[in-house]
Amino acid sequence: MATNNLFYKYRLFTLLLSLFAYFAQAQESSGTQPRPKSIFEVLTQKDLAKMTLETDLTTIIEQKKSNQYFSGTLRTDDGKVYRVEVKPRGKFRRKISVFPPLKLKFKKKDLVADGLDTLNEIKLVLPCYESDRGDELIVREYLAYKMFEHLTNVSMRARLIRLSIRDTHVEKTKKPMYAILLEDEEELVSRLNGILNEEYGIPTDSLHTSHAALTVMFQYMIGNTDWDISMQRNVRLVRSKETGKTFVIPYDFDFSGLVSAPYSSPSSETGLKTVRDRFLMSNGLKPELLQRAFNTLKSAKPAFYSICKSKYLNNSASADMDNFLHRFFEKAEGKNEIPKLIKMEGD
């Protein structure tokens, strides 16, 4: 009897091995093998990963209006070192920030040697101020990204890190700061199996309208008017290869009322005086689409409030974000139509 049991276990084991080999070969022949991990995914496997960027920060700040790349290295907490090229990027924040936003470009041959995808660019969002307030604003913006990512994976991935910058110009290391690693558009498009749509003035019927409505209502909820679909302001347009419809994917939330950066202001076309008020930028989408998107936001309320209670924020900042969202739902719920304007009296 024992011999028979061993025989059947052996047959089962060999059958499983055969099935595994068959499916692996089928994947390879059909070209559907899982893509390798990207450097973005490797660096952000741990929550609040610690990293050190070594580069000529002094010169980058002095020449932050240029698009010149500077050499550097990125060192992870476990001692792994990556060669990178670093350049300033962005528009408004590049002008006013102590640390301009940066783009990191990794060496493709280094990534291939590590068995990674050749997607080699990552955006880095740094605090505008070298202070606790600067850290708070970065965390608030990260939480806005996290809220939208909770709603849909058709979103730009953002991950919070703890970053030290060693300025090789003066051989000094800055105090550790919060920063955001932001998925580059090339990786976004690859992950969504789409095509970057760089067309201005795209008609509404070319959009994936339910997702566009979700973007509209999310921006309304967080009090952001610093965006525009037709001019591709602070949105990426990604056309689906499957449907031909274009997704509207938002980014850069520092001008929102949810973040409340000191330098933020509402779009002049809205007539608002403060980012703590809200204006609905419907972009020609039908009211029933906006109502469905609002219902989606309403269902996500518990998750949003949980996100606000971040361990990386002080209690006052968490309470402010919570209250800002609560007021939105309080004003918008129970209405026959989504209100076009929400004034936040008593702020």
Protein backbone atom coordinates (compact mmCIF):
# COMPACT_ATOMS: atom_id res chain seq x y z
CA MET A 1 0.00 0.00 0.00
CA ALA A 2 2.81 2.43 0.92
CA THR A 3 4.49 1.71 -2.41
CA ASN A 4 1.28 2.55 -4.30
CA ASN A 5 0.91 5.85 -2.40
CA LEU A 6 4.45 6.84 -3.30
CA PHE A 7 3.82 5.91 -6.91
CA TYR A 8 0.68 8.10 -7.16
CA LYS A 9 2.42 11.02 -5.43
CA TYR A 10 5.27 10.72 -7.91
CA ARG A 11 2.81 10.66 -10.86
CA LEU A 12 1.03 13.75 -9.48
CA PHE A 13 4.32 15.58 -9.02
CA THR A 14 5.49 14.82 -12.58
CA LEU A 15 2.08 15.85 -13.96
CA LEU A 16 2.27 19.20 -12.18
CA LEU A 17 5.79 19.76 -13.51
CA SER A 18 4.60 18.99 -17.04
CA LEU A 19 1.69 21.41 -16.74
CA PHE A 20 3.97 24.14 -15.42
CA ALA A 21 6.42 23.63 -18.32
CA TYR A 22 3.55 23.61 -20.82
CA PHE A 23 2.07 26.91 -19.64
CA ALA A 24 5.50 28.54 -19.41
CA GLN A 25 6.24 27.50 -23.01
CA ALA A 26 2.80 28.68 -24.14
CA GLN A 27 3.37 32.08 -22.56
CA GLU A 28 6.77 32.39 -24.19
CA SER A 29 5.51 31.40 -27.65
CA SER A 30 2.50 33.74 -27.44
CA GLY A 31 4.54 36.68 -26.23
CA THR A 32 2.46 37.07 -23.08
CA GLN A 33 5.17 36.51 -20.50
CA PRO A 34 4.78 38.80 -17.48
CA ARG A 35 6.81 41.93 -18.01
CA PRO A 36 9.83 42.38 -15.75
CA LYS A 37 9.49 44.68 -12.77
CA SER A 38 10.35 48.31 -13.37
CA ILE A 39 12.87 50.26 -11.31
CA PHE A 40 9.91 52.30 -9.99
CA GLU A 41 8.29 49.13 -8.65
CA VAL A 42 11.55 47.85 -7.16
CA LEU A 43 12.26 51.11 -5.34
CA THR A 44 8.75 51.34 -3.91
CA GLN A 45 8.22 47.76 -2.72
CA LYS A 46 8.44 48.95 0.92
CA ASP A 47 6.25 51.62 2.46
CA LEU A 48 8.21 54.84 2.99
CA ALA A 49 11.45 53.44 1.56
CA LYS A 50 14.59 55.30 2.65
CA MET A 51 16.97 56.52 -0.06
CA THR A 52 19.93 58.83 -0.53
CA LEU A 53 20.45 60.85 -3.70
CA GLU A 54 24.00 62.05 -4.31
CA THR A 55 24.35 64.78 -6.91
CA ASP A 56 25.52 68.37 -7.43
CA LEU A 57 22.43 69.90 -5.82
CA THR A 58 23.98 73.37 -5.56
CA THR A 59 24.47 73.62 -9.32
CA ILE A 60 21.09 72.08 -10.07
CA ILE A 61 19.42 74.78 -7.93
CA GLU A 62 21.52 77.50 -9.54
CA GLN A 63 20.61 76.24 -13.00
CA LYS A 64 17.08 75.04 -12.26
CA LYS A 65 15.70 76.81 -15.35
CA SER A 66 17.84 74.63 -17.60
CA ASN A 67 17.11 71.10 -18.82
CA GLN A 68 20.66 69.92 -18.33
CA TYR A 69 21.29 66.49 -16.82
CA PHE A 70 23.74 66.08 -13.93
CA SER A 71 25.35 62.81 -12.87
CA GLY A 72 24.45 61.22 -9.57
CA THR A 73 23.77 58.04 -7.66
CA LEU A 74 20.73 56.77 -5.81
CA ARG A 75 21.42 54.56 -2.80
CA THR A 76 18.70 52.50 -1.15
CA ASP A 77 18.55 51.64 2.53
CA ASP A 78 19.77 48.10 1.85
CA GLY A 79 22.96 49.42 0.22
CA LYS A 80 22.01 48.99 -3.46
CA VAL A 81 23.50 51.78 -5.61
CA TYR A 82 22.11 52.95 -8.96
CA ARG A 83 23.80 55.32 -11.38
CA VAL A 84 21.42 58.09 -12.41
CA GLU A 85 21.25 61.30 -14.36
CA VAL A 86 19.33 64.11 -12.68
CA LYS A 87 17.70 67.19 -14.14
CA PRO A 88 15.25 69.84 -12.92
CA ARG A 89 11.73 69.68 -14.34
CA GLY A 90 8.28 71.22 -13.95
CA LYS A 91 7.04 74.75 -14.44
CA PHE A 92 5.68 76.73 -11.48
CA ARG A 93 7.36 74.72 -8.73
CA ARG A 94 10.66 74.90 -10.57
CA LYS A 95 10.48 78.68 -10.15
CA ILE A 96 9.41 78.96 -6.51
CA SER A 97 10.73 75.86 -4.76
CA VAL A 98 13.87 75.60 -2.67
CA PHE A 99 14.30 72.18 -4.30
CA PRO A 100 12.99 72.01 -7.88
CA PRO A 101 11.14 68.85 -8.93
CA LEU A 102 13.58 66.42 -10.55
CA LYS A 103 13.66 63.71 -13.16
CA LEU A 104 15.82 60.66 -12.53
CA LYS A 105 17.11 58.71 -15.52
CA PHE A 106 18.65 55.30 -14.82
CA LYS A 107 21.16 53.49 -17.03
CA LYS A 108 19.24 50.99 -19.16
CA LYS A 109 22.12 48.51 -19.27
CA ASP A 110 22.22 48.53 -15.45
CA LEU A 111 18.50 47.79 -15.32
CA VAL A 112 18.81 44.94 -17.82
CA ALA A 113 21.72 43.50 -15.81
CA ASP A 114 19.41 43.43 -12.78
CA GLY A 115 16.66 41.70 -14.77
CA LEU A 116 14.45 44.81 -14.79
CA ASP A 117 12.37 46.53 -17.45
CA THR A 118 14.13 49.16 -19.57
CA LEU A 119 11.62 51.83 -18.46
CA ASN A 120 14.28 54.06 -16.96
CA GLU A 121 12.74 57.38 -15.91
CA ILE A 122 11.07 58.39 -12.65
CA LYS A 123 9.83 61.79 -11.50
CA LEU A 124 10.78 63.03 -8.06
CA VAL A 125 8.63 65.61 -6.25
CA LEU A 126 10.50 67.43 -3.47
CA PRO A 127 9.28 69.82 -0.76
CA CYS A 128 8.96 73.45 -1.82
CA TYR A 129 10.25 74.50 1.61
CA GLU A 130 13.08 73.08 3.69
CA SER A 131 10.89 72.81 6.79
CA ASP A 132 8.23 70.75 8.55
CA ARG A 133 5.63 72.68 6.54
CA GLY A 134 7.31 71.58 3.33
CA ASP A 135 7.14 67.96 4.48
CA GLU A 136 3.46 68.32 5.40
CA LEU A 137 2.54 69.66 1.95
CA ILE A 138 4.34 66.77 0.25
CA VAL A 139 2.45 64.24 2.37
CA ARG A 140 -0.89 65.97 1.70
CA GLU A 141 -0.28 65.82 -2.05
CA TYR A 142 0.79 62.19 -1.82
CA LEU A 143 -2.48 61.39 -0.03
CA ALA A 144 -4.42 63.03 -2.88
CA TYR A 145 -2.66 60.69 -5.32
CA LYS A 146 -3.45 57.79 -3.02
CA MET A 147 -7.16 58.69 -2.99
CA PHE A 148 -7.40 58.71 -6.77
CA GLU A 149 -5.45 55.47 -7.03
CA HIS A 150 -7.95 53.95 -4.59
CA LEU A 151 -10.70 54.76 -7.10
CA THR A 152 -9.00 53.32 -10.18
CA ASN A 153 -5.77 51.75 -11.36
CA VAL A 154 -6.03 54.02 -14.42
CA SER A 155 -4.09 56.55 -12.40
CA MET A 156 -0.56 57.82 -12.03
CA ARG A 157 1.17 55.85 -9.29
CA ALA A 158 2.81 57.89 -6.54
CA ARG A 159 4.82 56.54 -3.62
CA LEU A 160 6.02 58.38 -0.53
CA ILE A 161 9.70 57.98 0.35
CA ARG A 162 12.10 59.33 2.97
CA LEU A 163 14.92 60.98 1.05
CA SER A 164 18.32 62.33 2.03
CA ILE A 165 20.17 64.43 -0.52
CA ARG A 166 23.95 64.57 -0.36
CA ASP A 167 25.12 67.68 -2.19
CA THR A 168 28.41 66.66 -3.78
CA HIS A 169 29.21 70.32 -4.52
CA VAL A 170 29.71 71.09 -0.83
CA GLU A 171 29.95 67.52 0.51
CA LYS A 172 27.02 68.00 2.87
CA THR A 173 23.84 65.98 3.38
CA LYS A 174 20.45 67.64 3.75
CA LYS A 175 18.16 66.64 6.59
CA PRO A 176 15.93 63.68 5.54
CA MET A 177 12.74 64.88 3.87
CA TYR A 178 9.52 63.40 2.58
CA ALA A 179 9.41 63.13 -1.21
CA ILE A 180 7.21 61.53 -3.85
CA LEU A 181 8.40 59.10 -6.48
CA LEU A 182 6.01 59.59 -9.38
CA GLU A 183 5.45 57.18 -12.25
CA ASP A 184 6.75 58.56 -15.55
CA GLU A 185 4.26 58.82 -18.42
CA GLU A 186 6.17 56.25 -20.50
CA GLU A 187 5.68 53.66 -17.76
CA LEU A 188 2.07 54.74 -17.24
CA VAL A 189 1.30 54.20 -20.94
CA SER A 190 3.13 50.84 -20.97
CA ARG A 191 1.28 49.61 -17.87
CA LEU A 192 -2.12 50.58 -19.32
CA ASN A 193 -1.29 49.17 -22.77
CA GLY A 194 -2.16 52.51 -24.31
CA ILE A 195 -0.79 55.29 -26.49
CA LEU A 196 0.04 58.77 -25.23
CA ASN A 197 -2.45 61.17 -26.81
CA GLU A 198 -0.85 64.59 -27.29
CA GLU A 199 -3.79 66.10 -29.15
CA TYR A 200 -5.03 69.49 -27.90
CA GLY A 201 -8.73 70.29 -27.93
CA ILE A 202 -9.76 66.64 -27.86
CA PRO A 203 -13.56 66.31 -28.30
CA THR A 204 -15.56 64.91 -25.41
CA ASP A 205 -16.85 61.96 -27.44
CA SER A 206 -13.25 60.74 -27.85
CA LEU A 207 -12.91 60.34 -24.10
CA HIS A 208 -13.57 57.34 -21.91
CA THR A 209 -16.41 59.38 -20.47
CA SER A 210 -17.06 57.48 -17.22
CA HIS A 211 -13.38 57.75 -16.28
CA ALA A 212 -13.29 61.42 -17.36
CA ALA A 213 -16.31 62.06 -15.13
CA LEU A 214 -14.49 60.39 -12.23
CA THR A 215 -11.52 62.71 -12.82
CA VAL A 216 -13.82 65.75 -12.95
CA MET A 217 -15.58 64.88 -9.71
CA PHE A 218 -12.35 63.94 -7.94
CA GLN A 219 -10.82 67.32 -8.85
CA TYR A 220 -14.02 68.98 -7.63
CA MET A 221 -13.87 67.06 -4.36
CA ILE A 222 -10.27 68.06 -3.61
CA GLY A 223 -10.90 71.67 -4.68
CA ASN A 224 -8.54 71.71 -7.66
CA THR A 225 -9.05 74.02 -10.66
CA ASP A 226 -5.42 73.94 -11.83
CA TRP A 227 -6.07 71.52 -14.68
CA ASP A 228 -7.61 71.41 -18.14
CA ILE A 229 -8.33 68.57 -20.58
CA SER A 230 -8.31 70.53 -23.84
CA MET A 231 -4.95 72.17 -23.04
CA GLN A 232 -3.55 69.06 -21.32
CA ARG A 233 -2.79 71.02 -18.19
CA ASN A 234 -1.83 68.71 -15.32
CA VAL A 235 -3.46 65.70 -16.99
CA ARG A 236 -2.08 62.91 -19.13
CA LEU A 237 -4.25 61.61 -21.96
CA VAL A 238 -3.80 57.91 -22.68
CA ARG A 239 -5.68 56.32 -25.58
CA SER A 240 -6.66 52.69 -25.06
CA LYS A 241 -5.44 50.33 -27.78
CA GLU A 242 -8.49 48.17 -27.17
CA THR A 243 -11.31 50.72 -27.33
CA GLY A 244 -9.70 53.76 -28.94
CA LYS A 245 -11.12 55.91 -26.14
CA THR A 246 -8.87 58.28 -24.21
CA PHE A 247 -8.43 58.22 -20.44
CA VAL A 248 -7.90 61.50 -18.57
CA ILE A 249 -5.36 60.91 -15.80
CA PRO A 250 -4.73 63.75 -13.34
CA TYR A 251 -1.53 64.69 -11.52
CA ASP A 252 -0.03 67.68 -9.65
CA PHE A 253 -2.47 68.43 -6.84
CA ASP A 254 -0.52 71.11 -4.96
CA PHE A 255 -2.96 73.87 -6.05
CA SER A 256 -5.92 72.01 -4.54
CA GLY A 257 -7.76 73.06 -1.41
CA LEU A 258 -7.05 69.62 0.05
CA VAL A 259 -3.31 70.39 -0.01
CA SER A 260 -3.68 74.16 0.61
CA ALA A 261 -0.14 75.16 -0.32
CA PRO A 262 0.56 78.81 0.64
CA TYR A 263 1.34 79.72 -2.97
CA SER A 264 -1.79 78.10 -4.45
CA SER A 265 -4.58 80.04 -6.13
CA PRO A 266 -7.71 79.06 -8.07
CA SER A 267 -7.99 79.39 -11.83
CA SER A 268 -8.87 82.98 -12.73
CA GLU A 269 -11.63 81.72 -15.05
CA THR A 270 -13.60 80.30 -12.09
CA GLY A 271 -14.07 83.57 -10.26
CA LEU A 272 -13.04 81.90 -6.99
CA LYS A 273 -11.04 83.82 -4.41
CA THR A 274 -9.50 80.84 -2.62
CA VAL A 275 -8.70 77.19 -3.32
CA ARG A 276 -10.80 76.30 -0.28
CA ASP A 277 -13.89 77.02 -2.42
CA ARG A 278 -14.87 74.64 -5.18
CA PHE A 279 -15.89 75.10 -8.81
CA LEU A 280 -17.19 72.26 -11.00
CA MET A 281 -15.19 72.03 -14.24
CA SER A 282 -17.58 69.64 -16.04
CA ASN A 283 -15.79 69.69 -19.41
CA GLY A 284 -19.02 69.10 -21.31
CA LEU A 285 -19.77 65.77 -19.61
CA LYS A 286 -23.41 64.84 -19.10
CA PRO A 287 -24.94 65.37 -15.63
CA GLU A 288 -25.85 61.68 -15.27
CA LEU A 289 -22.16 60.72 -15.77
CA LEU A 290 -21.12 63.20 -13.10
CA GLN A 291 -23.80 61.89 -10.74
CA ARG A 292 -22.55 58.32 -11.17
CA ALA A 293 -19.01 59.48 -10.54
CA PHE A 294 -20.17 61.30 -7.41
CA ASN A 295 -21.82 58.10 -6.19
CA THR A 296 -18.48 56.34 -6.65
CA LEU A 297 -16.79 59.00 -4.52
CA LYS A 298 -19.51 58.70 -1.91
CA SER A 299 -18.96 54.94 -1.69
CA ALA A 300 -15.26 55.59 -1.13
CA LYS A 301 -15.81 58.03 1.75
CA PRO A 302 -14.65 55.63 4.50
CA ALA A 303 -11.44 54.93 2.56
CA PHE A 304 -10.83 58.64 1.98
CA TYR A 305 -11.24 59.46 5.66
CA SER A 306 -8.92 56.59 6.54
CA ILE A 307 -6.30 57.92 4.11
CA CYS A 308 -6.53 61.35 5.78
CA LYS A 309 -5.56 59.76 9.09
CA SER A 310 -2.03 59.19 7.83
CA LYS A 311 0.67 58.41 10.37
CA TYR A 312 2.92 60.73 8.39
CA LEU A 313 0.76 63.80 9.19
CA ASN A 314 0.22 65.61 12.45
CA ASN A 315 -3.27 65.52 13.95
CA SER A 316 -4.10 69.08 12.93
CA ALA A 317 -3.28 68.52 9.25
CA SER A 318 -5.19 65.22 9.20
CA ALA A 319 -8.23 66.87 10.79
CA ASP A 320 -8.11 69.71 8.25
CA MET A 321 -8.09 67.30 5.30
CA ASP A 322 -10.89 65.26 6.87
CA ASN A 323 -12.99 68.36 7.45
CA PHE A 324 -12.39 69.63 3.91
CA LEU A 325 -13.72 66.38 2.45
CA HIS A 326 -16.61 66.21 4.92
CA ARG A 327 -17.81 69.65 3.87
CA PHE A 328 -17.82 68.61 0.22
CA PHE A 329 -20.03 65.60 0.83
CA GLU A 330 -22.23 67.58 3.21
CA LYS A 331 -22.88 70.23 0.52
CA ALA A 332 -23.24 67.85 -2.45
CA GLU A 333 -25.25 64.96 -1.02
CA GLY A 334 -29.01 64.88 -1.41
CA LYS A 335 -29.09 67.33 -4.33
CA ASN A 336 -30.98 66.64 -7.56
CA GLU A 337 -28.01 67.98 -9.49
CA ILE A 338 -24.35 68.37 -8.63
CA PRO A 339 -23.90 72.00 -7.52
CA LYS A 340 -21.58 74.00 -9.75
CA LEU A 341 -20.12 75.97 -6.86
CA ILE A 342 -19.45 75.13 -3.24
CA LYS A 343 -18.41 77.95 -0.95
CA MET A 344 -16.61 76.87 2.17
CA GLU A 345 -17.83 79.46 4.66
CA GLY A 346 -16.16 79.51 8.04
CA ASP A 347 -12.75 78.27 6.86
